[in-house]
PDB file of N, CA and C in Angstrom:
ATOM      1  N   MET A   1      94.642  74.480  91.503  1.00  0.00           N
ATOM      2  CA  MET A   1      94.776  74.199  90.158  1.00  0.00           C
ATOM      3  C   MET A   1      93.577  74.480  88.836  1.00  0.00           C
ATOM      4  N   ILE A   2      94.023  75.159  88.300  1.00  0.00           N
ATOM      5  CA  ILE A   2      93.139  75.854  87.568  1.00  0.00           C
ATOM      6  C   ILE A   2      92.611  74.886  86.164  1.00  0.00           C
ATOM      7  N   CYS A   3      91.483  74.947  86.137  1.00  0.00           N
ATOM      8  CA  CYS A   3      91.134  73.531  85.211  1.00  0.00           C
ATOM      9  C   CYS A   3      91.897  73.828  83.322  1.00  0.00           C
ATOM     10  N   GLU A   4      92.194  72.773  82.366  1.00  0.00           N
ATOM     11  CA  GLU A   4      92.603  72.973  81.556  1.00  0.00           C
ATOM     12  C   GLU A   4      91.374  73.174  80.462  1.00  0.00           C
ATOM     13  N   ALA A   5      90.601  73.422  80.654  1.00  0.00           N
ATOM     14  CA  ALA A   5      89.709  73.500  79.790  1.00  0.00           C
ATOM     15  C   ALA A   5      89.189  75.147  79.545  1.00  0.00           C
ATOM     16  N   ILE A   6      89.277  75.611  81.150  1.00  0.00           N
ATOM     17  CA  ILE A   6      89.180  77.275  81.284  1.00  0.00           C
ATOM     18  C   ILE A   6      90.432  77.609  80.360  1.00  0.00           C
ATOM     19  N   THR A   7      92.003  77.061  80.716  1.00  0.00           N
ATOM     20  CA  THR A   7      93.287  77.824  80.129  1.00  0.00           C
ATOM     21  C   THR A   7      93.103  77.282  78.445  1.00  0.00           C
ATOM     22  N   SER A   8      92.587  76.442  77.930  1.00  0.00           N
ATOM     23  CA  SER A   8      92.424  76.614  76.491  1.00  0.00           C
ATOM     24  C   SER A   8      91.848  77.857  76.067  1.00  0.00           C
ATOM     25  N   VAL A   9      90.950  78.578  76.536  1.00  0.00           N
ATOM     26  CA  VAL A   9      90.335  79.703  76.128  1.00  0.00           C
ATOM     27  C   VAL A   9      91.146  81.050  75.850  1.00  0.00           C
ATOM     28  N   TRP A  10      92.014  81.210  77.299  1.00  0.00           N
ATOM     29  CA  TRP A  10      92.805  82.344  77.311  1.00  0.00           C
ATOM     30  C   TRP A  10      93.663  82.803  75.995  1.00  0.00           C
ATOM     31  N   THR A  11      93.778  84.076  75.501  1.00  0.00           N
ATOM     32  CA  THR A  11      94.884  84.530  75.031  1.00  0.00           C
ATOM     33  C   THR A  11      95.539  85.514  75.330  1.00  0.00           C
ATOM     34  N   ASN A  12      96.985  85.400  75.048  1.00  0.00           N
ATOM     35  CA  ASN A  12      97.816  86.592  75.172  1.00  0.00           C
ATOM     36  C   ASN A  12      97.276  88.021  75.690  1.00  0.00           C
ATOM     37  N   ALA A  13      96.084  88.383  74.697  1.00  0.00           N
ATOM     38  CA  ALA A  13      95.593  89.819  75.434  1.00  0.00           C
ATOM     39  C   ALA A  13      94.564  90.047  76.247  1.00  0.00           C
ATOM     40  N   ASP A  14      93.826  88.856  76.914  1.00  0.00           N
ATOM     41  CA  ASP A  14      93.242  88.273  78.012  1.00  0.00           C
ATOM     42  C   ASP A  14      94.161  88.880  79.181  1.00  0.00           C
ATOM     43  N   ILE A  15      93.196  89.341  80.329  1.00  0.00           N
ATOM     44  CA  ILE A  15      93.769  89.538  81.610  1.00  0.00           C
ATOM     45  C   ILE A  15      93.155  88.493  82.192  1.00  0.00           C
ATOM     46  N   ILE A  16      94.118  88.020  83.316  1.00  0.00           N
ATOM     47  CA  ILE A  16      93.975  86.898  84.122  1.00  0.00           C
ATOM     48  C   ILE A  16      94.040  87.212  85.354  1.00  0.00           C
ATOM     49  N   ILE A  17      92.857  87.294  86.176  1.00  0.00           N
ATOM     50  CA  ILE A  17      93.108  87.864  87.898  1.00  0.00           C
ATOM     51  C   ILE A  17      92.587  86.530  88.786  1.00  0.00           C
ATOM     52  N   SER A  18      93.530  86.108  89.334  1.00  0.00           N
ATOM     53  CA  SER A  18      93.347  84.743  90.371  1.00  0.00           C
ATOM     54  C   SER A  18      93.453  85.554  91.474  1.00  0.00           C
ATOM     55  N   TYR A  19      92.707  84.759  91.967  1.00  0.00           N
ATOM     56  CA  TYR A  19      92.665  85.358  93.638  1.00  0.00           C
ATOM     57  C   TYR A  19      92.389  83.996  94.642  1.00  0.00           C
ATOM     58  N   GLU A  20      92.059  84.112  95.864  1.00  0.00           N
ATOM     59  CA  GLU A  20      92.003  83.499  97.085  1.00  0.00           C
ATOM     60  C   GLU A  20      91.286  84.120  98.012  1.00  0.00           C
ATOM     61  N   ILE A  21      90.563  83.964  99.109  1.00  0.00           N
ATOM     62  CA  ILE A  21      89.582  84.180 100.072  1.00  0.00           C
ATOM     63  C   ILE A  21      90.265  83.347 101.504  1.00  0.00           C
ATOM     64  N   LEU A  22      90.847  83.829 101.931  1.00  0.00           N
ATOM     65  CA  LEU A  22      91.246  83.605 103.281  1.00  0.00           C
ATOM     66  C   LEU A  22      90.054  83.119 104.475  1.00  0.00           C
ATOM     67  N   SER A  23      89.984  82.270 105.590  1.00  0.00           N
ATOM     68  CA  SER A  23      89.185  82.001 106.463  1.00  0.00           C
ATOM     69  C   SER A  23      88.326  83.403 106.954  1.00  0.00           C
ATOM     70  N   GLY A  24      89.395  84.598 107.328  1.00  0.00           N
ATOM     71  CA  GLY A  24      89.003  85.637 107.796  1.00  0.00           C
ATOM     72  C   GLY A  24      88.406  86.855 106.960  1.00  0.00           C
ATOM     73  N   GLY A  25      88.239  86.548 105.513  1.00  0.00           N
ATOM     74  CA  GLY A  25      87.900  87.272 104.373  1.00  0.00           C
ATOM     75  C   GLY A  25      88.657  88.011 103.836  1.00  0.00           C
ATOM     76  N   LYS A  26      89.899  87.967 104.103  1.00  0.00           N
ATOM     77  CA  LYS A  26      91.150  88.826 103.664  1.00  0.00           C
ATOM     78  C   LYS A  26      91.117  87.783 101.768  1.00  0.00           C
ATOM     79  N   ILE A  27      91.379  88.949 100.957  1.00  0.00           N
ATOM     80  CA  ILE A  27      91.659  88.330  99.678  1.00  0.00           C
ATOM     81  C   ILE A  27      93.475  88.406  99.231  1.00  0.00           C
ATOM     82  N   ILE A  28      93.464  87.544  98.382  1.00  0.00           N
ATOM     83  CA  ILE A  28      94.939  87.319  98.255  1.00  0.00           C
ATOM     84  C   ILE A  28      94.436  87.384  96.575  1.00  0.00           C
ATOM     85  N   SER A  29      95.325  88.498  95.481  1.00  0.00           N
ATOM     86  CA  SER A  29      94.749  88.688  94.008  1.00  0.00           C
ATOM     87  C   SER A  29      96.299  88.979  93.529  1.00  0.00           C
ATOM     88  N   SER A  30      96.468  88.444  92.167  1.00  0.00           N
ATOM     89  CA  SER A  30      97.201  88.347  91.618  1.00  0.00           C
ATOM     90  C   SER A  30      97.970  89.809  91.414  1.00  0.00           C
ATOM     91  N   ILE A  31      96.686  90.552  90.835  1.00  0.00           N
ATOM     92  CA  ILE A  31      96.743  91.866  90.599  1.00  0.00           C
ATOM     93  C   ILE A  31      96.206  92.671  91.648  1.00  0.00           C
ATOM     94  N   PRO A  32      96.929  93.606  92.237  1.00  0.00           N
ATOM     95  CA  PRO A  32      96.518  94.326  93.525  1.00  0.00           C
ATOM     96  C   PRO A  32      95.370  95.368  93.387  1.00  0.00           C
ATOM     97  N   SER A  33      94.595  95.055  94.450  1.00  0.00           N
ATOM     98  CA  SER A  33      93.427  95.897  94.518  1.00  0.00           C
ATOM     99  C   SER A  33      93.662  97.487  94.194  1.00  0.00           C
ATOM    100  N   ASN A  34      93.160  98.158  93.848  1.00  0.00           N
ATOM    101  CA  ASN A  34      92.609  99.736  93.197  1.00  0.00           C
ATOM    102  C   ASN A  34      93.451  99.878  92.203  1.00  0.00           C
ATOM    103  N   SER A  35      94.067  98.510  91.322  1.00  0.00           N
ATOM    104  CA  SER A  35      94.985  98.899  90.205  1.00  0.00           C
ATOM    105  C   SER A  35      93.977  99.543  88.680  1.00  0.00           C
ATOM    106  N   LEU A  36      94.553 100.203  88.189  1.00  0.00           N
ATOM    107  CA  LEU A  36      93.693 100.627  86.647  1.00  0.00           C
ATOM    108  C   LEU A  36      94.087  99.881  85.616  1.00  0.00           C
ATOM    109  N   LEU A  37      93.047  99.001  85.285  1.00  0.00           N
ATOM    110  CA  LEU A  37      93.235  98.176  84.437  1.00  0.00           C
ATOM    111  C   LEU A  37      92.692  98.738  83.022  1.00  0.00           C
ATOM    112  N   ASN A  38      93.683  99.185  81.950  1.00  0.00           N
ATOM    113  CA  ASN A  38      93.271  99.591  80.482  1.00  0.00           C
ATOM    114  C   ASN A  38      93.182  98.092  79.497  1.00  0.00           C
ATOM    115  N   LEU A  39      91.928  98.858  79.027  1.00  0.00           N
ATOM    116  CA  LEU A  39      91.473  97.497  78.145  1.00  0.00           C
ATOM    117  C   LEU A  39      90.716  98.220  76.795  1.00  0.00           C
ATOM    118  N   LYS A  40      91.110  97.148  75.698  1.00  0.00           N
ATOM    119  CA  LYS A  40      90.776  97.268  74.405  1.00  0.00           C
ATOM    120  C   LYS A  40      89.136  96.928  74.290  1.00  0.00           C
ATOM    121  N   LYS A  41      88.546  97.491  73.574  1.00  0.00           N
ATOM    122  CA  LYS A  41      87.166  96.644  73.192  1.00  0.00           C
ATOM    123  C   LYS A  41      86.976  95.336  72.742  1.00  0.00           C
ATOM    124  N   GLY A  42      86.886  94.322  73.599  1.00  0.00           N
ATOM    125  CA  GLY A  42      86.745  92.937  72.946  1.00  0.00           C
ATOM    126  C   GLY A  42      87.656  92.397  74.160  1.00  0.00           C
ATOM    127  N   GLN A  43      88.676  93.116  74.621  1.00  0.00           N
ATOM    128  CA  GLN A  43      89.789  92.240  75.436  1.00  0.00           C
ATOM    129  C   GLN A  43      88.715  91.588  76.409  1.00  0.00           C
ATOM    130  N   ARG A  44      89.377  90.755  77.236  1.00  0.00           N
ATOM    131  CA  ARG A  44      89.008  90.042  78.367  1.00  0.00           C
ATOM    132  C   ARG A  44      89.197  89.942  79.546  1.00  0.00           C
ATOM    133  N   ILE A  45      88.579  90.143  80.637  1.00  0.00           N
ATOM    134  CA  ILE A  45      89.075  89.412  81.926  1.00  0.00           C
ATOM    135  C   ILE A  45      88.600  88.582  82.556  1.00  0.00           C
ATOM    136  N   PHE A  46      89.563  87.510  82.876  1.00  0.00           N
ATOM    137  CA  PHE A  46      88.798  86.144  83.451  1.00  0.00           C
ATOM    138  C   PHE A  46      89.086  86.155  85.069  1.00  0.00           C
ATOM    139  N   LEU A  47      88.490  85.828  86.393  1.00  0.00           N
ATOM    140  CA  LEU A  47      88.383  85.889  87.111  1.00  0.00           C
ATOM    141  C   LEU A  47      88.812  84.662  87.724  1.00  0.00           C
ATOM    142  N   ILE A  48      89.575  83.998  88.455  1.00  0.00           N
ATOM    143  CA  ILE A  48      89.908  82.453  88.574  1.00  0.00           C
ATOM    144  C   ILE A  48      90.446  82.536  89.747  1.00  0.00           C
ATOM    145  N   ARG A  49      88.906  81.621  90.849  1.00  0.00           N
ATOM    146  CA  ARG A  49      89.008  81.597  92.405  1.00  0.00           C
ATOM    147  C   ARG A  49      90.362  80.366  92.389  1.00  0.00           C
ATOM    148  N   ARG A  50      91.282  80.663  93.176  1.00  0.00           N
ATOM    149  CA  ARG A  50      92.210  79.408  93.295  1.00  0.00           C
ATOM    150  C   ARG A  50      91.866  78.452  94.685  1.00  0.00           C
ATOM    151  N   ASN A  51      90.814  79.023  95.401  1.00  0.00           N
ATOM    152  CA  ASN A  51      90.431  77.770  96.778  1.00  0.00           C
ATOM    153  C   ASN A  51      88.734  77.703  96.816  1.00  0.00           C
ATOM    154  N   PHE A  52      88.483  76.699  97.716  1.00  0.00           N
ATOM    155  CA  PHE A  52      87.238  77.057  98.469  1.00  0.00           C
ATOM    156  C   PHE A  52      87.224  77.764  99.523  1.00  0.00           C
ATOM    157  N   GLY A  53      85.766  77.972 100.298  1.00  0.00           N
ATOM    158  CA  GLY A  53      85.841  78.529 101.338  1.00  0.00           C
ATOM    159  C   GLY A  53      84.903  79.992 101.177  1.00  0.00           C
ATOM    160  N   PRO A  54      84.904  80.776 102.055  1.00  0.00           N
ATOM    161  CA  PRO A  54      84.179  81.917 101.860  1.00  0.00           C
ATOM    162  C   PRO A  54      83.388  82.180 100.598  1.00  0.00           C
ATOM    163  N   VAL A  55      82.016  82.625 100.612  1.00  0.00           N
ATOM    164  CA  VAL A  55      81.606  83.166  99.493  1.00  0.00           C
ATOM    165  C   VAL A  55      81.687  84.225  99.185  1.00  0.00           C
ATOM    166  N   GLU A  56      81.672  84.627  97.714  1.00  0.00           N
ATOM    167  CA  GLU A  56      82.043  86.159  97.270  1.00  0.00           C
ATOM    168  C   GLU A  56      81.083  86.489  96.692  1.00  0.00           C
ATOM    169  N   LYS A  57      81.059  87.675  96.363  1.00  0.00           N
ATOM    170  CA  LYS A  57      80.116  88.372  95.282  1.00  0.00           C
ATOM    171  C   LYS A  57      80.887  89.244  95.019  1.00  0.00           C
ATOM    172  N   VAL A  58      80.821  89.154  93.209  1.00  0.00           N
ATOM    173  CA  VAL A  58      81.480  89.699  92.207  1.00  0.00           C
ATOM    174  C   VAL A  58      80.563  91.296  91.644  1.00  0.00           C
ATOM    175  N   MET A  59      80.617  92.167  91.630  1.00  0.00           N
ATOM    176  CA  MET A  59      79.867  93.334  91.103  1.00  0.00           C
ATOM    177  C   MET A  59      80.985  94.162  89.575  1.00  0.00           C
ATOM    178  N   PHE A  60      80.125  94.321  88.584  1.00  0.00           N
ATOM    179  CA  PHE A  60      80.768  95.070  87.403  1.00  0.00           C
ATOM    180  C   PHE A  60      80.268  96.201  86.695  1.00  0.00           C
ATOM    181  N   SER A  61      80.601  96.588  86.075  1.00  0.00           N
ATOM    182  CA  SER A  61      79.706  98.035  85.103  1.00  0.00           C
ATOM    183  C   SER A  61      79.376  97.050  83.981  1.00  0.00           C
ATOM    184  N   SER A  62      77.947  96.996  84.033  1.00  0.00           N
ATOM    185  CA  SER A  62      77.380  95.863  83.212  1.00  0.00           C
ATOM    186  C   SER A  62      77.341  96.832  81.720  1.00  0.00           C
ATOM    187  N   ASP A  63      77.592  98.323  81.877  1.00  0.00           N
ATOM    188  CA  ASP A  63      77.536  99.294  80.754  1.00  0.00           C
ATOM    189  C   ASP A  63      78.660  99.079  80.116  1.00  0.00           C
ATOM    190  N   ILE A  64      80.064  98.761  80.684  1.00  0.00           N
ATOM    191  CA  ILE A  64      81.375  98.568  79.604  1.00  0.00           C
ATOM    192  C   ILE A  64      81.513  97.278  79.439  1.00  0.00           C
ATOM    193  N   PHE A  65      80.951  96.542  80.209  1.00  0.00           N
ATOM    194  CA  PHE A  65      81.310  94.581  80.017  1.00  0.00           C
ATOM    195  C   PHE A  65      79.681  93.962  79.452  1.00  0.00           C
ATOM    196  N   SER A  66      80.053  92.760  79.062  1.00  0.00           N
ATOM    197  CA  SER A  66      79.111  91.884  78.986  1.00  0.00           C
ATOM    198  C   SER A  66      79.879  90.793  79.625  1.00  0.00           C
ATOM    199  N   PHE A  67      78.613  89.768  80.220  1.00  0.00           N
ATOM    200  CA  PHE A  67      79.029  88.374  81.094  1.00  0.00           C
ATOM    201  C   PHE A  67      78.576  87.338  80.541  1.00  0.00           C
ATOM    202  N   ASP A  68      79.567  86.357  80.255  1.00  0.00           N
ATOM    203  CA  ASP A  68      79.075  85.285  79.541  1.00  0.00           C
ATOM    204  C   ASP A  68      78.712  83.916  80.635  1.00  0.00           C
ATOM    205  N   PHE A  69      77.037  83.702  80.970  1.00  0.00           N
ATOM    206  CA  PHE A  69      76.365  83.291  82.290  1.00  0.00           C
ATOM    207  C   PHE A  69      76.657  81.870  81.991  1.00  0.00           C
ATOM    208  N   SER A  70      77.116  81.577  80.823  1.00  0.00           N
ATOM    209  CA  SER A  70      77.237  79.938  80.252  1.00  0.00           C
ATOM    210  C   SER A  70      78.137  79.124  80.630  1.00  0.00           C
ATOM    211  N   SER A  71      79.486  80.127  81.256  1.00  0.00           N
ATOM    212  CA  SER A  71      80.751  79.663  80.960  1.00  0.00           C
ATOM    213  C   SER A  71      80.945  79.113  82.511  1.00  0.00           C
ATOM    214  N   PRO A  72      81.895  78.352  82.862  1.00  0.00           N
ATOM    215  CA  PRO A  72      82.105  77.713  84.132  1.00  0.00           C
ATOM    216  C   PRO A  72      83.181  78.845  84.772  1.00  0.00           C
ATOM    217  N   SER A  73      83.745  79.846  84.270  1.00  0.00           N
ATOM    218  CA  SER A  73      84.722  80.288  85.064  1.00  0.00           C
ATOM    219  C   SER A  73      83.833  82.081  84.897  1.00  0.00           C
ATOM    220  N   LEU A  74      84.345  83.086  85.840  1.00  0.00           N
ATOM    221  CA  LEU A  74      83.997  84.145  84.877  1.00  0.00           C
ATOM    222  C   LEU A  74      84.925  85.094  84.379  1.00  0.00           C
ATOM    223  N   ILE A  75      83.993  85.420  83.000  1.00  0.00           N
ATOM    224  CA  ILE A  75      84.443  85.604  82.008  1.00  0.00           C
ATOM    225  C   ILE A  75      84.348  87.498  81.789  1.00  0.00           C
ATOM    226  N   PHE A  76      84.601  88.870  81.825  1.00  0.00           N
ATOM    227  CA  PHE A  76      84.278  89.854  81.468  1.00  0.00           C
ATOM    228  C   PHE A  76      84.656  90.673  79.912  1.00  0.00           C
ATOM    229  N   THR A  77      83.755  91.030  78.981  1.00  0.00           N
ATOM    230  CA  THR A  77      84.586  91.101  78.189  1.00  0.00           C
ATOM    231  C   THR A  77      84.016  92.495  77.762  1.00  0.00           C
ATOM    232  N   ALA A  78      85.028  93.511  77.304  1.00  0.00           N
ATOM    233  CA  ALA A  78      84.699  94.686  77.267  1.00  0.00           C
ATOM    234  C   ALA A  78      84.022  95.054  75.906  1.00  0.00           C
ATOM    235  N   ILE A  79      82.748  95.458  75.704  1.00  0.00           N
ATOM    236  CA  ILE A  79      82.180  96.163  75.255  1.00  0.00           C
ATOM    237  C   ILE A  79      81.932  97.453  74.615  1.00  0.00           C
ATOM    238  N   ARG A  80      82.456  98.335  75.399  1.00  0.00           N
ATOM    239  CA  ARG A  80      81.864  99.636  75.155  1.00  0.00           C
ATOM    240  C   ARG A  80      82.865 100.465  75.571  1.00  0.00           C
ATOM    241  N   LEU A  81      83.218 101.729  74.897  1.00  0.00           N
ATOM    242  CA  LEU A  81      84.534 102.659  75.617  1.00  0.00           C
ATOM    243  C   LEU A  81      83.857 102.925  76.825  1.00  0.00           C
ATOM    244  N   GLY A  82      84.782 103.562  77.786  1.00  0.00           N
ATOM    245  CA  GLY A  82      84.213 104.324  79.051  1.00  0.00           C
ATOM    246  C   GLY A  82      85.014 103.744  80.207  1.00  0.00           C
ATOM    247  N   LYS A  83      84.689 104.122  81.498  1.00  0.00           N
ATOM    248  CA  LYS A  83      85.246 104.040  82.783  1.00  0.00           C
ATOM    249  C   LYS A  83      84.241 102.907  83.548  1.00  0.00           C
ATOM    250  N   GLY A  84      84.930 102.189  84.315  1.00  0.00           N
ATOM    251  CA  GLY A  84      84.071 101.060  85.133  1.00  0.00           C
ATOM    252  C   GLY A  84      84.862 100.569  86.451  1.00  0.00           C
ATOM    253  N   TYR A  85      83.895  99.539  86.795  1.00  0.00           N
ATOM    254  CA  TYR A  85      84.691  98.750  87.808  1.00  0.00           C
ATOM    255  C   TYR A  85      84.513  97.343  88.135  1.00  0.00           C
ATOM    256  N   LEU A  86      85.511  96.946  88.786  1.00  0.00           N
ATOM    257  CA  LEU A  86      85.101  95.214  88.895  1.00  0.00           C
ATOM    258  C   LEU A  86      85.129  95.363  90.068  1.00  0.00           C
ATOM    259  N   THR A  87      84.366  94.747  91.434  1.00  0.00           N
ATOM    260  CA  THR A  87      84.735  94.207  92.533  1.00  0.00           C
ATOM    261  C   THR A  87      84.859  92.687  93.460  1.00  0.00           C
ATOM    262  N   ILE A  88      85.530  92.418  94.106  1.00  0.00           N
ATOM    263  CA  ILE A  88      85.161  91.103  94.346  1.00  0.00           C
ATOM    264  C   ILE A  88      85.033  91.465  96.572  1.00  0.00           C
ATOM    265  N   GLU A  89      83.613  90.921  96.404  1.00  0.00           N
ATOM    266  CA  GLU A  89      83.849  90.926  98.055  1.00  0.00           C
ATOM    267  C   GLU A  89      83.357  89.892  98.871  1.00  0.00           C
ATOM    268  N   PRO A  90      84.487  89.335  99.713  1.00  0.00           N
ATOM    269  CA  PRO A  90      83.938  87.825 100.285  1.00  0.00           C
ATOM    270  C   PRO A  90      83.213  88.338 101.462  1.00  0.00           C
ATOM    271  N   ASN A  91      82.714  87.087 101.523  1.00  0.00           N
ATOM    272  CA  ASN A  91      81.388  87.014 102.488  1.00  0.00           C
ATOM    273  C   ASN A  91      80.387  87.637 102.109  1.00  0.00           C
ATOM    274  N   LEU A  92      80.068  87.777 101.039  1.00  0.00           N
ATOM    275  CA  LEU A  92      78.345  88.602  99.985  1.00  0.00           C
ATOM    276  C   LEU A  92      78.723  89.962 100.606  1.00  0.00           C
ATOM    277  N   TYR A  93      78.930  90.285 102.180  1.00  0.00           N
ATOM    278  CA  TYR A  93      78.843  91.817 102.295  1.00  0.00           C
ATOM    279  C   TYR A  93      80.231  91.651 103.268  1.00  0.00           C
ATOM    280  N   ASP A  94      81.262  92.126 102.797  1.00  0.00           N
ATOM    281  CA  ASP A  94      82.104  92.578 103.960  1.00  0.00           C
ATOM    282  C   ASP A  94      83.190  93.858 103.147  1.00  0.00           C
ATOM    283  N   PRO A  95      82.687  95.076 103.238  1.00  0.00           N
ATOM    284  CA  PRO A  95      83.444  95.890 102.822  1.00  0.00           C
ATOM    285  C   PRO A  95      84.526  95.877 103.012  1.00  0.00           C
ATOM    286  N   ASP A  96      85.103  95.740 104.186  1.00  0.00           N
ATOM    287  CA  ASP A  96      86.476  96.424 104.607  1.00  0.00           C
ATOM    288  C   ASP A  96      87.530  95.324 103.964  1.00  0.00           C
ATOM    289  N   ASN A  97      86.843  94.445 103.521  1.00  0.00           N
ATOM    290  CA  ASN A  97      87.708  93.160 102.793  1.00  0.00           C
ATOM    291  C   ASN A  97      87.731  93.115 101.067  1.00  0.00           C
ATOM    292  N   LEU A  98      87.117  94.148 100.235  1.00  0.00           N
ATOM    293  CA  LEU A  98      86.877  93.994  99.320  1.00  0.00           C
ATOM    294  C   LEU A  98      88.204  94.522  98.463  1.00  0.00           C
ATOM    295  N   ILE A  99      87.976  94.173  97.271  1.00  0.00           N
ATOM    296  CA  ILE A  99      89.097  94.333  96.205  1.00  0.00           C
ATOM    297  C   ILE A  99      88.322  94.984  95.107  1.00  0.00           C
ATOM    298  N   TYR A 100      88.941  96.393  94.622  1.00  0.00           N
ATOM    299  CA  TYR A 100      88.468  96.841  93.800  1.00  0.00           C
ATOM    300  C   TYR A 100      89.363  96.942  92.713  1.00  0.00           C
ATOM    301  N   TYR A 101      88.977  96.766  91.464  1.00  0.00           N
ATOM    302  CA  TYR A 101      89.443  97.408  90.191  1.00  0.00           C
ATOM    303  C   TYR A 101      89.070  98.600  89.142  1.00  0.00           C
ATOM    304  N   GLN A 102      89.295  99.718  89.253  1.00  0.00           N
ATOM    305  CA  GLN A 102      89.224 100.429  88.053  1.00  0.00           C
ATOM    306  C   GLN A 102      89.263  99.898  86.651  1.00  0.00           C
ATOM    307  N   ILE A 103      88.302  99.825  85.717  1.00  0.00           N
ATOM    308  CA  ILE A 103      88.324  99.403  84.648  1.00  0.00           C
ATOM    309  C   ILE A 103      88.081 100.938  83.431  1.00  0.00           C
ATOM    310  N   GLU A 104      89.270 100.923  82.289  1.00  0.00           N
ATOM    311  CA  GLU A 104      88.814 101.839  81.550  1.00  0.00           C
ATOM    312  C   GLU A 104      88.952 101.202  80.134  1.00  0.00           C
ATOM    313  N   VAL A 105      88.255 101.218  79.470  1.00  0.00           N
ATOM    314  CA  VAL A 105      87.994 100.720  78.149  1.00  0.00           C
ATOM    315  C   VAL A 105      88.205 101.538  77.027  1.00  0.00           C
ATOM    316  N   LEU A 106      89.633 101.957  76.252  1.00  0.00           N
ATOM    317  CA  LEU A 106      90.144 102.863  75.690  1.00  0.00           C
ATOM    318  C   LEU A 106      89.785 102.910  74.058  1.00  0.00           C
ATOM    319  N   SER A 107      89.726 101.732  73.703  1.00  0.00           N
ATOM    320  CA  SER A 107      89.637 101.877  72.222  1.00  0.00           C
ATOM    321  C   SER A 107      88.911 100.468  71.664  1.00  0.00           C
TER     322      SER A 107
END
């Protein structure tokens, strides 16, 4: 269940990626791995984990994104034009099961 406090800050322009990590490390995501996500400057990506279990590592391109460390959810805001990435890797280091998103901030 997604907390109402988090959903109340979403807008129609935001990209929501909800995901679940299974006990073996496989990630099931609302947006398939290797997808290209085109964003506009100021647009946000919300990462919403749907379950508890194995720990994950999230990595992103800090040159095109800002990250709100005060938020209870993972919110990335596109701040500069360019190309980058966003990855979710289960068990802190499990490259065989990570999911990867190509990001392009266009305008």
